[in-house]
Amino acid sequence: MSTTNRQQLIDNVKRMLGGSMVDVELEADDYAMALNLAIDRYRVRSGNSTEESYMFLTLEYERSEYVLPEEIFQVRQAFRRGIGETTGGTQLDPFSLAYTNLYLLQAGTGGGYTAGLLTYELFNQFQKQAGRMFGRDINFTFDPVTKLLTIIRKPTGGETILLWVYKTRPDETLLADQYARPWLRDYTLAWCKQMLGEAYSKFNTIIGPGGGTTLKGEQLKTEATAMFERLEKEIDLYLDNTMPLGVLIG
């Protein structure tokens, strides 16, 4: 699917340049580079190029460094299943205990749902306090360039932790996205006009039997610049389905 979407976008750009009627002096590598530049720019400017995700990581004995997949660019938080060390720790699940307390232990008693919710809240506070005291929270560092995750401790067993991460959306997903695809197509077209304009501006006129042909290199570069500015403005206005910023105070 990725090859089909990519090639279809390039074919659309060729037709928009008049390639179905005249010979456009761009090679296949030029179109590919223009699309790659458009994707790179979109990843820098648009929040729609990323997504929130979760992944599991199994810690190895006394190993503190792990290389994460290339598409991950930020690790927000690491979650542990229980409290204490990986071997012999108290494996407490607050959701399971809350369910048992609320629907089984409190059933038919005078406390009812109020007592169940209170017990659940008290247990949550207990777990947070116990977690701070007995190592529930995992401190780590993450390098977004090398993708190296460093756990600030030496694990003592094969515990599996949950990572809350942000990762880049694959190219094929962006090319199939109904909001990202038109932006990428127009930005690719702008880069193609920019490259043609650079080539045509080297020679203003080509001599021929009919008096010569005037090349409009500067006009193409002007059109490309206008398209770049318009597309950058669309990102600023969140027209690509990016989530707008919230209210900032201070």
Protein backbone atom coordinates (compact mmCIF):
# COMPACT_ATOMS: atom_id res chain seq x y z
CA MET A 1 0.00 0.00 0.00
CA SER A 2 2.83 2.39 0.80
CA THR A 3 4.32 2.10 -2.73
CA THR A 4 0.91 2.63 -4.31
CA ASN A 5 0.12 5.74 -2.27
CA ARG A 6 3.57 7.19 -2.84
CA GLN A 7 3.56 6.55 -6.58
CA GLN A 8 0.01 7.85 -6.94
CA LEU A 9 0.97 11.13 -5.27
CA ILE A 10 4.00 11.51 -7.54
CA ASP A 11 1.85 10.79 -10.61
CA ASN A 12 -0.59 13.50 -9.51
CA VAL A 13 2.24 16.00 -9.17
CA LYS A 14 3.52 15.12 -12.65
CA ARG A 15 0.09 15.77 -14.14
CA MET A 16 -0.24 19.06 -12.23
CA LEU A 17 3.03 20.13 -13.87
CA GLY A 18 1.62 19.23 -17.30
CA GLY A 19 3.59 16.02 -17.61
CA SER A 20 0.78 14.24 -19.46
CA MET A 21 1.03 16.78 -22.32
CA VAL A 22 4.65 17.98 -22.42
CA ASP A 23 8.00 16.66 -21.30
CA VAL A 24 8.84 17.93 -17.81
CA GLU A 25 12.60 18.03 -17.18
CA LEU A 26 12.47 16.20 -13.86
CA GLU A 27 13.74 12.69 -13.21
CA ALA A 28 12.19 10.06 -10.95
CA ASP A 29 14.79 10.81 -8.29
CA ASP A 30 13.79 14.48 -8.36
CA TYR A 31 10.15 13.67 -7.62
CA ALA A 32 11.18 11.24 -4.88
CA MET A 33 13.43 13.85 -3.27
CA ALA A 34 10.68 16.49 -3.44
CA LEU A 35 8.27 14.15 -1.66
CA ASN A 36 10.87 13.24 0.97
CA LEU A 37 11.49 16.94 1.64
CA ALA A 38 7.74 17.49 2.01
CA ILE A 39 7.44 14.61 4.49
CA ASP A 40 10.44 15.86 6.49
CA ARG A 41 8.95 19.34 6.70
CA TYR A 42 5.57 18.00 7.72
CA ARG A 43 7.15 15.99 10.54
CA VAL A 44 8.90 19.11 11.83
CA ARG A 45 5.87 21.40 11.67
CA SER A 46 2.77 19.28 12.26
CA GLY A 47 1.59 17.44 15.34
CA ASN A 48 -0.51 15.27 13.04
CA SER A 49 2.69 13.45 12.04
CA THR A 50 3.03 11.87 15.50
CA GLU A 51 0.89 9.65 17.68
CA GLU A 52 0.66 8.53 21.29
CA SER A 53 1.30 4.86 21.97
CA TYR A 54 2.28 2.26 24.55
CA MET A 55 4.82 -0.55 24.43
CA PHE A 56 6.04 -3.29 26.75
CA LEU A 57 9.70 -3.67 27.69
CA THR A 58 11.09 -6.69 29.52
CA LEU A 59 13.98 -5.72 31.79
CA GLU A 60 16.99 -8.02 31.87
CA TYR A 61 19.15 -8.86 34.88
CA GLU A 62 21.41 -5.89 35.75
CA ARG A 63 20.98 -4.38 32.30
CA SER A 64 20.10 -0.68 32.40
CA GLU A 65 20.42 0.40 28.72
CA TYR A 66 17.95 -0.49 25.95
CA VAL A 67 17.66 0.70 22.34
CA LEU A 68 14.04 1.45 21.41
CA PRO A 69 12.56 1.32 17.87
CA GLU A 70 13.52 4.09 15.45
CA GLU A 71 10.01 5.60 15.24
CA ILE A 72 9.93 6.48 18.97
CA PHE A 73 11.09 10.04 19.69
CA GLN A 74 9.91 10.58 23.28
CA VAL A 75 9.34 8.42 26.35
CA ARG A 76 6.93 10.12 28.71
CA GLN A 77 6.61 7.65 31.56
CA ALA A 78 7.36 4.08 32.64
CA PHE A 79 4.83 2.03 34.60
CA ARG A 80 5.43 -0.98 36.83
CA ARG A 81 2.94 -3.69 37.62
CA GLY A 82 3.55 -3.75 41.37
CA ILE A 83 5.43 -2.30 44.29
CA GLY A 84 8.87 -3.39 45.42
CA GLU A 85 11.67 -5.26 43.66
CA THR A 86 11.05 -7.43 40.62
CA THR A 87 11.38 -10.65 42.61
CA GLY A 88 9.21 -11.07 45.65
CA GLY A 89 7.53 -7.66 45.42
CA THR A 90 3.91 -7.13 46.31
CA GLN A 91 1.96 -7.33 43.05
CA LEU A 92 -1.09 -5.20 43.81
CA ASP A 93 -3.57 -4.24 41.13
CA PRO A 94 -5.75 -1.34 42.37
CA PHE A 95 -8.42 -1.89 39.72
CA SER A 96 -8.90 -5.56 40.64
CA LEU A 97 -9.04 -4.73 44.34
CA ALA A 98 -11.49 -1.90 43.73
CA TYR A 99 -13.75 -4.21 41.74
CA THR A 100 -13.65 -6.86 44.48
CA ASN A 101 -14.27 -4.31 47.22
CA LEU A 102 -17.06 -2.44 45.47
CA TYR A 103 -19.09 -5.27 43.99
CA LEU A 104 -18.40 -8.20 46.28
CA LEU A 105 -17.30 -7.18 49.78
CA GLN A 106 -19.72 -4.24 50.02
CA ALA A 107 -22.67 -6.02 48.47
CA GLY A 108 -25.63 -6.09 50.85
CA THR A 109 -23.87 -4.12 53.61
CA GLY A 110 -24.84 -0.78 55.05
CA GLY A 111 -21.83 0.99 53.52
CA GLY A 112 -23.01 0.63 49.95
CA TYR A 113 -21.24 2.36 47.10
CA THR A 114 -20.01 5.29 49.21
CA ALA A 115 -17.87 3.03 51.39
CA GLY A 116 -16.57 1.24 48.31
CA LEU A 117 -15.47 4.43 46.61
CA LEU A 118 -13.89 5.68 49.82
CA THR A 119 -11.91 2.46 50.21
CA TYR A 120 -10.80 2.71 46.58
CA GLU A 121 -9.60 6.29 47.07
CA LEU A 122 -7.77 5.41 50.29
CA PHE A 123 -6.09 2.47 48.60
CA ASN A 124 -4.97 4.69 45.71
CA GLN A 125 -3.35 7.09 48.14
CA PHE A 126 -1.74 4.17 49.95
CA GLN A 127 -0.32 2.81 46.71
CA LYS A 128 1.15 6.17 45.71
CA GLN A 129 2.82 6.57 49.09
CA ALA A 130 4.10 2.98 49.09
CA GLY A 131 5.33 3.44 45.52
CA ARG A 132 7.39 6.48 46.46
CA MET A 133 8.89 4.59 49.41
CA PHE A 134 9.51 1.19 47.82
CA GLY A 135 10.50 1.87 44.24
CA ARG A 136 7.35 1.79 42.15
CA ASP A 137 8.44 4.78 40.02
CA ILE A 138 11.26 4.19 37.53
CA ASN A 139 13.65 7.03 36.78
CA PHE A 140 15.14 7.00 33.29
CA THR A 141 16.75 9.08 30.57
CA PHE A 142 16.04 8.84 26.85
CA ASP A 143 18.12 10.11 23.93
CA PRO A 144 15.81 10.84 20.95
CA VAL A 145 18.74 10.68 18.50
CA THR A 146 20.31 7.34 19.48
CA LYS A 147 16.98 5.95 20.85
CA LEU A 148 18.87 4.84 23.95
CA LEU A 149 16.74 4.36 27.07
CA THR A 150 18.75 4.27 30.28
CA ILE A 151 17.08 2.93 33.42
CA ILE A 152 18.50 4.60 36.55
CA ARG A 153 18.80 1.33 38.46
CA LYS A 154 20.03 -2.21 37.95
CA PRO A 155 17.03 -4.50 37.43
CA THR A 156 17.13 -7.70 39.44
CA GLY A 157 14.81 -9.83 37.37
CA GLY A 158 12.77 -10.24 34.19
CA GLU A 159 10.09 -7.68 35.00
CA THR A 160 7.96 -6.36 32.15
CA ILE A 161 7.19 -2.64 32.33
CA LEU A 162 4.85 -0.47 30.27
CA LEU A 163 6.27 2.56 28.44
CA TRP A 164 4.12 5.56 27.55
CA VAL A 165 5.72 6.86 24.35
CA TYR A 166 5.26 9.21 21.42
CA LYS A 167 6.25 7.99 17.97
CA THR A 168 6.22 9.20 14.40
CA ARG A 169 3.48 7.97 12.10
CA PRO A 170 4.79 5.87 9.20
CA ASP A 171 5.13 7.47 5.77
CA GLU A 172 2.44 5.22 4.31
CA THR A 173 0.02 6.34 7.02
CA LEU A 174 0.66 10.02 6.28
CA LEU A 175 0.21 9.45 2.55
CA ALA A 176 -3.16 7.79 3.20
CA ASP A 177 -4.34 10.42 5.71
CA GLN A 178 -7.13 12.58 4.26
CA TYR A 179 -5.71 15.70 5.91
CA ALA A 180 -1.98 15.14 5.49
CA ARG A 181 -2.06 13.87 1.90
CA PRO A 182 -3.26 17.13 0.20
CA TRP A 183 -0.64 19.13 2.13
CA LEU A 184 2.13 16.73 1.15
CA ARG A 185 1.01 16.76 -2.49
CA ASP A 186 1.03 20.57 -2.69
CA TYR A 187 4.35 20.85 -0.86
CA THR A 188 5.87 18.28 -3.24
CA LEU A 189 4.53 20.29 -6.18
CA ALA A 190 6.07 23.46 -4.74
CA TRP A 191 9.47 21.77 -4.46
CA CYS A 192 9.20 20.52 -8.04
CA LYS A 193 8.49 24.07 -9.22
CA GLN A 194 11.42 25.32 -7.16
CA MET A 195 13.79 22.80 -8.78
CA LEU A 196 12.51 23.55 -12.27
CA GLY A 197 12.80 27.26 -11.59
CA GLU A 198 16.41 26.88 -10.47
CA ALA A 199 17.24 24.94 -13.64
CA TYR A 200 15.38 27.29 -16.01
CA SER A 201 16.83 30.45 -14.45
CA LYS A 202 20.33 29.36 -15.53
CA PHE A 203 19.32 30.08 -19.13
CA ASN A 204 16.75 32.79 -19.76
CA THR A 205 16.41 31.96 -23.45
CA ILE A 206 17.06 28.88 -25.56
CA ILE A 207 18.06 29.73 -29.13
CA GLY A 208 16.00 28.03 -31.81
CA PRO A 209 15.05 28.34 -35.50
CA GLY A 210 11.98 30.37 -34.64
CA GLY A 211 13.86 33.01 -32.69
CA GLY A 212 14.30 31.12 -29.41
CA THR A 213 12.22 30.17 -26.38
CA THR A 214 11.99 32.15 -23.15
CA LEU A 215 12.15 30.08 -19.97
CA LYS A 216 10.13 31.26 -16.97
CA GLY A 217 12.48 30.18 -14.22
CA GLU A 218 11.93 33.18 -11.96
CA GLN A 219 8.16 32.87 -12.31
CA LEU A 220 8.29 29.24 -11.21
CA LYS A 221 10.41 30.12 -8.18
CA THR A 222 7.99 32.90 -7.26
CA GLU A 223 5.04 30.50 -7.48
CA ALA A 224 6.92 27.96 -5.35
CA THR A 225 7.67 30.57 -2.68
CA ALA A 226 4.01 31.59 -2.54
CA MET A 227 2.96 27.94 -2.16
CA PHE A 228 5.48 27.38 0.63
CA GLU A 229 4.13 30.38 2.54
CA ARG A 230 0.50 29.29 2.07
CA LEU A 231 1.18 25.75 3.23
CA GLU A 232 3.16 26.89 6.27
CA LYS A 233 0.24 29.15 7.17
CA GLU A 234 -2.15 26.18 6.94
CA ILE A 235 -0.06 24.37 9.56
CA ASP A 236 -0.23 27.44 11.80
CA LEU A 237 -4.02 27.41 11.46
CA TYR A 238 -4.23 23.65 12.23
CA LEU A 239 -5.95 22.91 8.92
CA ASP A 240 -4.26 19.49 8.79
CA ASN A 241 -6.30 18.15 11.74
CA THR A 242 -3.56 18.87 14.30
CA MET A 243 -4.83 19.36 17.84
CA PRO A 244 -4.62 23.12 18.67
CA LEU A 245 -2.74 24.33 21.71
CA GLY A 246 -4.64 24.77 24.94
CA VAL A 247 -4.87 27.91 27.02
CA LEU A 248 -1.45 29.08 28.22
CA ILE A 249 -1.23 31.17 31.39
CA GLY A 250 1.97 32.98 32.36
